[in-house]
Each structure stands twice: as C-alpha cells, then as structure tokens.
C-alpha cells in the first residue's frame, strides 16, 4: 500500500490561502508575491490558526528575527513591521501604538509599492539585527497550522 507524498510547504500555503473568500485570496496572493520579490532570500515563515494566516519574512527560521509579516484574516490584510515603533515614519502611514510593532492596512498589492511603504521596508531591513542572507531564494517553512472554523470572509 503506497502512501501519498507529503504536501510541500508551497502547496500547503496555497491551500491555506485558498481557504479565504475570493477577494482576500487574491489580495493574499498578490501581496505575498510583492513581499516575496522584496525579500527573495528571506525565510518565509507561515503561521495559521482558526481565523488568521500570517506569512512572515525573516533572515532565519526564528520568529523573533522577523522583519515584516503579511496577515490575512476575515477583517482584511495587514503588513506588520516587527520593530515598527523604531521606524522613521514622516508620512505617518503606520498604525498602532504598542511598544514594538506597527502595521499598515492594505487593500491592494499596489499599497506595498508606495514610496512611503518602500521606505519603511528599507528602514526595517536596515535596522534588522540579523542581515538577510544572500544568494539562494529562501525557503517557505510551515511553522504551525490550526483547525479552521467558519468565519465571515472565509470558506470552510
């Protein structure tokens, strides 16, 4: 009796993104592609639970080293800057008032291409305590997944 081959991380991530409603699914795919182009050598860390999917970009496979994260949930899409409280933000595009993280809401992948957001990404990369690796494309690593429940904006 043969066993099916295990799913690759890329396939698992595609399935996770595919569980959202069509609008969020498209936004997740296009925003992820934009971030992947910006962080080609980063480790892409994937965390999922019953209501959100987070795709983080890190120089290592340790979540504490993450630079930015794309989060998709039934309420929308966000890019979180893990050390955002220290980023220069003269245009005041960052939201949040925590001690460390800040985020931007995105409505389309083009939101990531604005001069202000690109400057934030550049600053976040510069201030990262561990530089991004050079060379080969970084892997996608599924760190955790949970059981999904039906929520507005998601398909079960």
C-alpha atoms as a PDB file:
ATOM      1  CA  UNK A   1       0.000   0.000   0.000  1.00  0.00           C
ATOM      2  CA  UNK A   2       1.542   3.274  -1.062  1.00  0.00           C
ATOM      3  CA  UNK A   3       1.140   6.478   0.875  1.00  0.00           C
ATOM      4  CA  UNK A   4       0.582   9.781  -0.871  1.00  0.00           C
ATOM      5  CA  UNK A   5       3.610  12.057  -0.941  1.00  0.00           C
ATOM      6  CA  UNK A   6       3.535  14.666   1.789  1.00  0.00           C
ATOM      7  CA  UNK A   7       2.390  18.102   0.762  1.00  0.00           C
ATOM      8  CA  UNK A   8       5.147  20.571   0.060  1.00  0.00           C
ATOM      9  CA  UNK A   9       5.203  23.816   2.057  1.00  0.00           C
ATOM     10  CA  UNK A  10       4.322  25.706  -1.138  1.00  0.00           C
ATOM     11  CA  UNK A  11       1.243  23.511  -1.659  1.00  0.00           C
ATOM     12  CA  UNK A  12       0.227  23.798   1.988  1.00  0.00           C
ATOM     13  CA  UNK A  13       0.468  27.588   1.793  1.00  0.00           C
ATOM     14  CA  UNK A  14      -1.529  27.658  -1.443  1.00  0.00           C
ATOM     15  CA  UNK A  15      -4.250  25.596   0.262  1.00  0.00           C
ATOM     16  CA  UNK A  16      -4.279  27.917   3.287  1.00  0.00           C
ATOM     17  CA  UNK A  17      -4.606  30.992   1.083  1.00  0.00           C
ATOM     18  CA  UNK A  18      -7.258  29.204  -0.962  1.00  0.00           C
ATOM     19  CA  UNK A  19      -9.495  28.862   2.082  1.00  0.00           C
ATOM     20  CA  UNK A  20     -10.242  32.608   2.139  1.00  0.00           C
ATOM     21  CA  UNK A  21     -13.021  34.266   0.189  1.00  0.00           C
ATOM     22  CA  UNK A  22     -12.077  35.233  -3.396  1.00  0.00           C
ATOM     23  CA  UNK A  23     -11.286  38.900  -2.647  1.00  0.00           C
ATOM     24  CA  UNK A  24      -8.984  38.100   0.281  1.00  0.00           C
ATOM     25  CA  UNK A  25      -7.493  35.165  -1.622  1.00  0.00           C
ATOM     26  CA  UNK A  26      -6.476  37.448  -4.491  1.00  0.00           C
ATOM     27  CA  UNK A  27      -5.124  40.091  -2.105  1.00  0.00           C
ATOM     28  CA  UNK A  28      -3.131  37.476  -0.189  1.00  0.00           C
ATOM     29  CA  UNK A  29      -1.598  36.080  -3.362  1.00  0.00           C
ATOM     30  CA  UNK A  30      -0.644  39.435  -4.857  1.00  0.00           C
ATOM     31  CA  UNK A  31       0.643  40.919  -1.591  1.00  0.00           C
ATOM     32  CA  UNK A  32       2.648  37.775  -0.868  1.00  0.00           C
ATOM     33  CA  UNK A  33       4.175  37.895  -4.354  1.00  0.00           C
ATOM     34  CA  UNK A  34       5.152  41.547  -3.833  1.00  0.00           C
ATOM     35  CA  UNK A  35       6.746  40.789  -0.456  1.00  0.00           C
ATOM     36  CA  UNK A  36       8.489  37.704  -1.788  1.00  0.00           C
ATOM     37  CA  UNK A  37      10.038  39.821  -4.544  1.00  0.00           C
ATOM     38  CA  UNK A  38      11.188  42.296  -1.890  1.00  0.00           C
ATOM     39  CA  UNK A  39      12.519  39.536   0.416  1.00  0.00           C
ATOM     40  CA  UNK A  40      13.709  36.852  -2.040  1.00  0.00           C
ATOM     41  CA  UNK A  41      16.328  35.306   0.262  1.00  0.00           C
ATOM     42  CA  UNK A  42      14.314  35.539   3.474  1.00  0.00           C
ATOM     43  CA  UNK A  43      12.834  32.535   5.190  1.00  0.00           C
ATOM     44  CA  UNK A  44       9.077  32.710   4.665  1.00  0.00           C
ATOM     45  CA  UNK A  45       7.502  31.564   7.947  1.00  0.00           C
ATOM     46  CA  UNK A  46       3.833  30.556   7.853  1.00  0.00           C
ATOM     47  CA  UNK A  47       1.568  30.538  10.889  1.00  0.00           C
ATOM     48  CA  UNK A  48      -2.132  29.773  10.686  1.00  0.00           C
ATOM     49  CA  UNK A  49      -4.886  29.443  13.212  1.00  0.00           C
ATOM     50  CA  UNK A  50      -8.655  29.345  13.052  1.00  0.00           C
ATOM     51  CA  UNK A  51      -9.044  32.959  11.983  1.00  0.00           C
ATOM     52  CA  UNK A  52      -5.779  34.299  10.539  1.00  0.00           C
ATOM     53  CA  UNK A  53      -2.887  33.455   8.291  1.00  0.00           C
ATOM     54  CA  UNK A  54       0.474  35.144   8.881  1.00  0.00           C
ATOM     55  CA  UNK A  55       3.314  34.951   6.373  1.00  0.00           C
ATOM     56  CA  UNK A  56       6.454  36.423   7.889  1.00  0.00           C
ATOM     57  CA  UNK A  57       9.805  37.273   6.323  1.00  0.00           C
ATOM     58  CA  UNK A  58      12.913  36.643   8.383  1.00  0.00           C
ATOM     59  CA  UNK A  59      16.664  36.189   7.922  1.00  0.00           C
ATOM     60  CA  UNK A  60      16.347  32.978   9.993  1.00  0.00           C
ATOM     61  CA  UNK A  61      13.671  30.411  10.789  1.00  0.00           C
ATOM     62  CA  UNK A  62      13.146  32.042  14.193  1.00  0.00           C
ATOM     63  CA  UNK A  63      10.010  34.167  14.532  1.00  0.00           C
ATOM     64  CA  UNK A  64      11.837  36.595  16.834  1.00  0.00           C
ATOM     65  CA  UNK A  65      14.030  37.623  13.869  1.00  0.00           C
ATOM     66  CA  UNK A  66      11.132  38.529  11.569  1.00  0.00           C
ATOM     67  CA  UNK A  67      11.235  41.857   9.784  1.00  0.00           C
ATOM     68  CA  UNK A  68       7.700  42.046   8.365  1.00  0.00           C
ATOM     69  CA  UNK A  69       4.627  39.853   8.266  1.00  0.00           C
ATOM     70  CA  UNK A  70       1.621  39.719   5.972  1.00  0.00           C
ATOM     71  CA  UNK A  71      -1.507  38.856   7.930  1.00  0.00           C
ATOM     72  CA  UNK A  72      -4.788  37.912   6.296  1.00  0.00           C
ATOM     73  CA  UNK A  73      -7.929  37.475   8.369  1.00  0.00           C
ATOM     74  CA  UNK A  74     -11.652  37.933   7.754  1.00  0.00           C
ATOM     75  CA  UNK A  75     -11.296  41.646   8.575  1.00  0.00           C
ATOM     76  CA  UNK A  76      -8.699  42.275   5.836  1.00  0.00           C
ATOM     77  CA  UNK A  77      -4.980  42.299   5.175  1.00  0.00           C
ATOM     78  CA  UNK A  78      -2.146  43.939   7.087  1.00  0.00           C
ATOM     79  CA  UNK A  79       1.612  44.230   6.888  1.00  0.00           C
ATOM     80  CA  UNK A  80       3.161  44.298  10.334  1.00  0.00           C
ATOM     81  CA  UNK A  81       6.604  45.733  10.983  1.00  0.00           C
ATOM     82  CA  UNK A  82       8.009  43.826  13.946  1.00  0.00           C
ATOM     83  CA  UNK A  83      10.198  46.692  15.138  1.00  0.00           C
ATOM     84  CA  UNK A  84       7.889  49.353  13.734  1.00  0.00           C
ATOM     85  CA  UNK A  85       7.927  51.612  16.787  1.00  0.00           C
ATOM     86  CA  UNK A  86      11.536  52.495  15.927  1.00  0.00           C
ATOM     87  CA  UNK A  87      10.964  53.122  12.216  1.00  0.00           C
ATOM     88  CA  UNK A  88      11.052  56.644  10.793  1.00  0.00           C
ATOM     89  CA  UNK A  89       7.531  57.371   9.558  1.00  0.00           C
ATOM     90  CA  UNK A  90       7.341  61.004   8.423  1.00  0.00           C
ATOM     91  CA  UNK A  91       4.240  60.292   6.299  1.00  0.00           C
ATOM     92  CA  UNK A  92       2.522  58.701   9.322  1.00  0.00           C
ATOM     93  CA  UNK A  93       1.320  55.640   7.463  1.00  0.00           C
ATOM     94  CA  UNK A  94       1.956  53.206  10.325  1.00  0.00           C
ATOM     95  CA  UNK A  95      -0.880  52.338  12.679  1.00  0.00           C
ATOM     96  CA  UNK A  96      -0.733  51.026  16.226  1.00  0.00           C
ATOM     97  CA  UNK A  97       0.725  52.293  19.455  1.00  0.00           C
ATOM     98  CA  UNK A  98       2.346  49.269  21.042  1.00  0.00           C
ATOM     99  CA  UNK A  99       5.862  49.212  22.413  1.00  0.00           C
ATOM    100  CA  UNK A 100       7.244  47.365  19.382  1.00  0.00           C
ATOM    101  CA  UNK A 101       5.061  46.568  16.371  1.00  0.00           C
ATOM    102  CA  UNK A 102       3.289  48.824  13.902  1.00  0.00           C
ATOM    103  CA  UNK A 103       1.196  47.889  10.878  1.00  0.00           C
ATOM    104  CA  UNK A 104      -0.382  49.148   7.708  1.00  0.00           C
ATOM    105  CA  UNK A 105      -3.706  48.027   6.295  1.00  0.00           C
ATOM    106  CA  UNK A 106      -3.529  47.029   2.674  1.00  0.00           C
ATOM    107  CA  UNK A 107      -6.368  46.993   0.222  1.00  0.00           C
ATOM    108  CA  UNK A 108      -4.283  46.020  -2.814  1.00  0.00           C
ATOM    109  CA  UNK A 109      -0.741  44.884  -3.501  1.00  0.00           C
ATOM    110  CA  UNK A 110      -0.077  48.318  -5.005  1.00  0.00           C
ATOM    111  CA  UNK A 111      -0.276  49.728  -1.459  1.00  0.00           C
ATOM    112  CA  UNK A 112       3.059  47.988  -0.879  1.00  0.00           C
ATOM    113  CA  UNK A 113       4.657  49.802  -3.828  1.00  0.00           C
ATOM    114  CA  UNK A 114       4.162  53.324  -2.499  1.00  0.00           C
ATOM    115  CA  UNK A 115       7.252  55.382  -1.772  1.00  0.00           C
ATOM    116  CA  UNK A 116       6.299  55.619   1.906  1.00  0.00           C
ATOM    117  CA  UNK A 117       5.885  51.873   2.374  1.00  0.00           C
ATOM    118  CA  UNK A 118       9.039  51.064   0.416  1.00  0.00           C
ATOM    119  CA  UNK A 119      10.954  53.478   2.672  1.00  0.00           C
ATOM    120  CA  UNK A 120       9.543  51.690   5.737  1.00  0.00           C
ATOM    121  CA  UNK A 121      10.576  48.299   4.335  1.00  0.00           C
ATOM    122  CA  UNK A 122      14.071  49.634   3.565  1.00  0.00           C
ATOM    123  CA  UNK A 123      14.387  51.023   7.105  1.00  0.00           C
ATOM    124  CA  UNK A 124      13.111  47.769   8.629  1.00  0.00           C
ATOM    125  CA  UNK A 125      15.685  45.769   6.681  1.00  0.00           C
ATOM    126  CA  UNK A 126      18.450  48.171   7.704  1.00  0.00           C
ATOM    127  CA  UNK A 127      17.590  48.022  11.399  1.00  0.00           C
ATOM    128  CA  UNK A 128      17.195  44.224  11.480  1.00  0.00           C
ATOM    129  CA  UNK A 129      19.693  42.818  13.970  1.00  0.00           C
ATOM    130  CA  UNK A 130      20.469  39.952  11.579  1.00  0.00           C
ATOM    131  CA  UNK A 131      21.069  40.771   7.910  1.00  0.00           C
ATOM    132  CA  UNK A 132      19.105  38.978   5.242  1.00  0.00           C
ATOM    133  CA  UNK A 133      21.054  36.134   3.662  1.00  0.00           C
ATOM    134  CA  UNK A 134      22.499  36.497   0.190  1.00  0.00           C
ATOM    135  CA  UNK A 135      22.270  34.047  -2.642  1.00  0.00           C
ATOM    136  CA  UNK A 136      19.630  31.366  -2.958  1.00  0.00           C
ATOM    137  CA  UNK A 137      15.891  32.016  -2.581  1.00  0.00           C
ATOM    138  CA  UNK A 138      14.722  31.486   0.981  1.00  0.00           C
ATOM    139  CA  UNK A 139      12.506  28.533   1.829  1.00  0.00           C
ATOM    140  CA  UNK A 140       8.861  28.538   2.852  1.00  0.00           C
ATOM    141  CA  UNK A 141       8.501  26.942   6.291  1.00  0.00           C
ATOM    142  CA  UNK A 142       5.118  25.975   7.701  1.00  0.00           C
ATOM    143  CA  UNK A 143       5.541  26.642  11.419  1.00  0.00           C
ATOM    144  CA  UNK A 144       2.040  25.923  12.671  1.00  0.00           C
ATOM    145  CA  UNK A 145      -1.464  25.367  11.454  1.00  0.00           C
ATOM    146  CA  UNK A 146      -4.678  25.037  13.362  1.00  0.00           C
ATOM    147  CA  UNK A 147      -8.168  23.933  12.655  1.00  0.00           C
ATOM    148  CA  UNK A 148     -10.225  26.431  10.734  1.00  0.00           C
ATOM    149  CA  UNK A 149     -13.728  27.322  11.728  1.00  0.00           C
ATOM    150  CA  UNK A 150     -16.245  29.145   9.619  1.00  0.00           C
ATOM    151  CA  UNK A 151     -15.801  32.911   9.878  1.00  0.00           C
ATOM    152  CA  UNK A 152     -17.053  35.765   7.769  1.00  0.00           C
ATOM    153  CA  UNK A 153     -14.777  36.082   4.769  1.00  0.00           C
ATOM    154  CA  UNK A 154     -13.512  32.509   4.841  1.00  0.00           C
ATOM    155  CA  UNK A 155     -14.594  29.391   3.074  1.00  0.00           C
ATOM    156  CA  UNK A 156     -14.699  26.179   5.082  1.00  0.00           C
END
